[in-house]
Amino acid sequence: MNRIAATAVCSTLLALLSGCFTDSSTIKHNPDGSGTLVVVTTMKAKAIQQMKEMAKAFGGENAKEPEFFTEKEAREKVAKMGEGVQFVSCEPVKGKDAEGQKVTYSFKDITKLKINEVSDPPGSGQGGLKAEAKKSDPITFKFAKLANGNSLLTIVNPKMEGDATPGEDKKKDPAEAPG
């Protein structure tokens, strides 16, 4: 019963703390379609401390302190990011009021890269906790080399509920536009 109560309380806390972490992604894209994705995730230091205190409170004397921002978690995300994406590096980030990690991934073909707009909270899979962000279709990319020598990168955002416009014209793929 203690474990169920701890899971319920921690899941609630994770939901309340969801505004306490940030996630930013930067893509560096090469002319051949390959590149890197750098993801910086941070969480407010106060939120991290609260999570650690709750783990101790509900886990008793033998409670294992939760680990946030692990390399293992960063490596596991590769499986959801598309074909040809590889983990490159992971380094800690520490600021005045927050801490986290900077993770670099490489990709061979941007058209196979998939980015989920909403990430799971850091450390959410530990100690029996299972807090997940609301899942949606990933952001994807189209890449075309145009006749004039330029390249066209199109970011394809998933359609969200309520975004459909009745009678909306089907538009041509921008990659087919004259160059």
Foldseek 3Di string as FASTA:
>chain_A
DLLVVLQVVLLVLCVVQVVFKDKDWDWDADPQQKTKIKIWMKGFPVSLVVSQVSQPVSVDPPGDGFDWADVVVVQVCQVVFFPAKHWDDKDKDDDDGIIYIMTMIIGDHQQGTWAWPDAQHTRQVPDPHHHGDDGDGTWGWDWAQAPVRRIDIDIRDDQDPPNDDPPDDDDDDPNPDHD
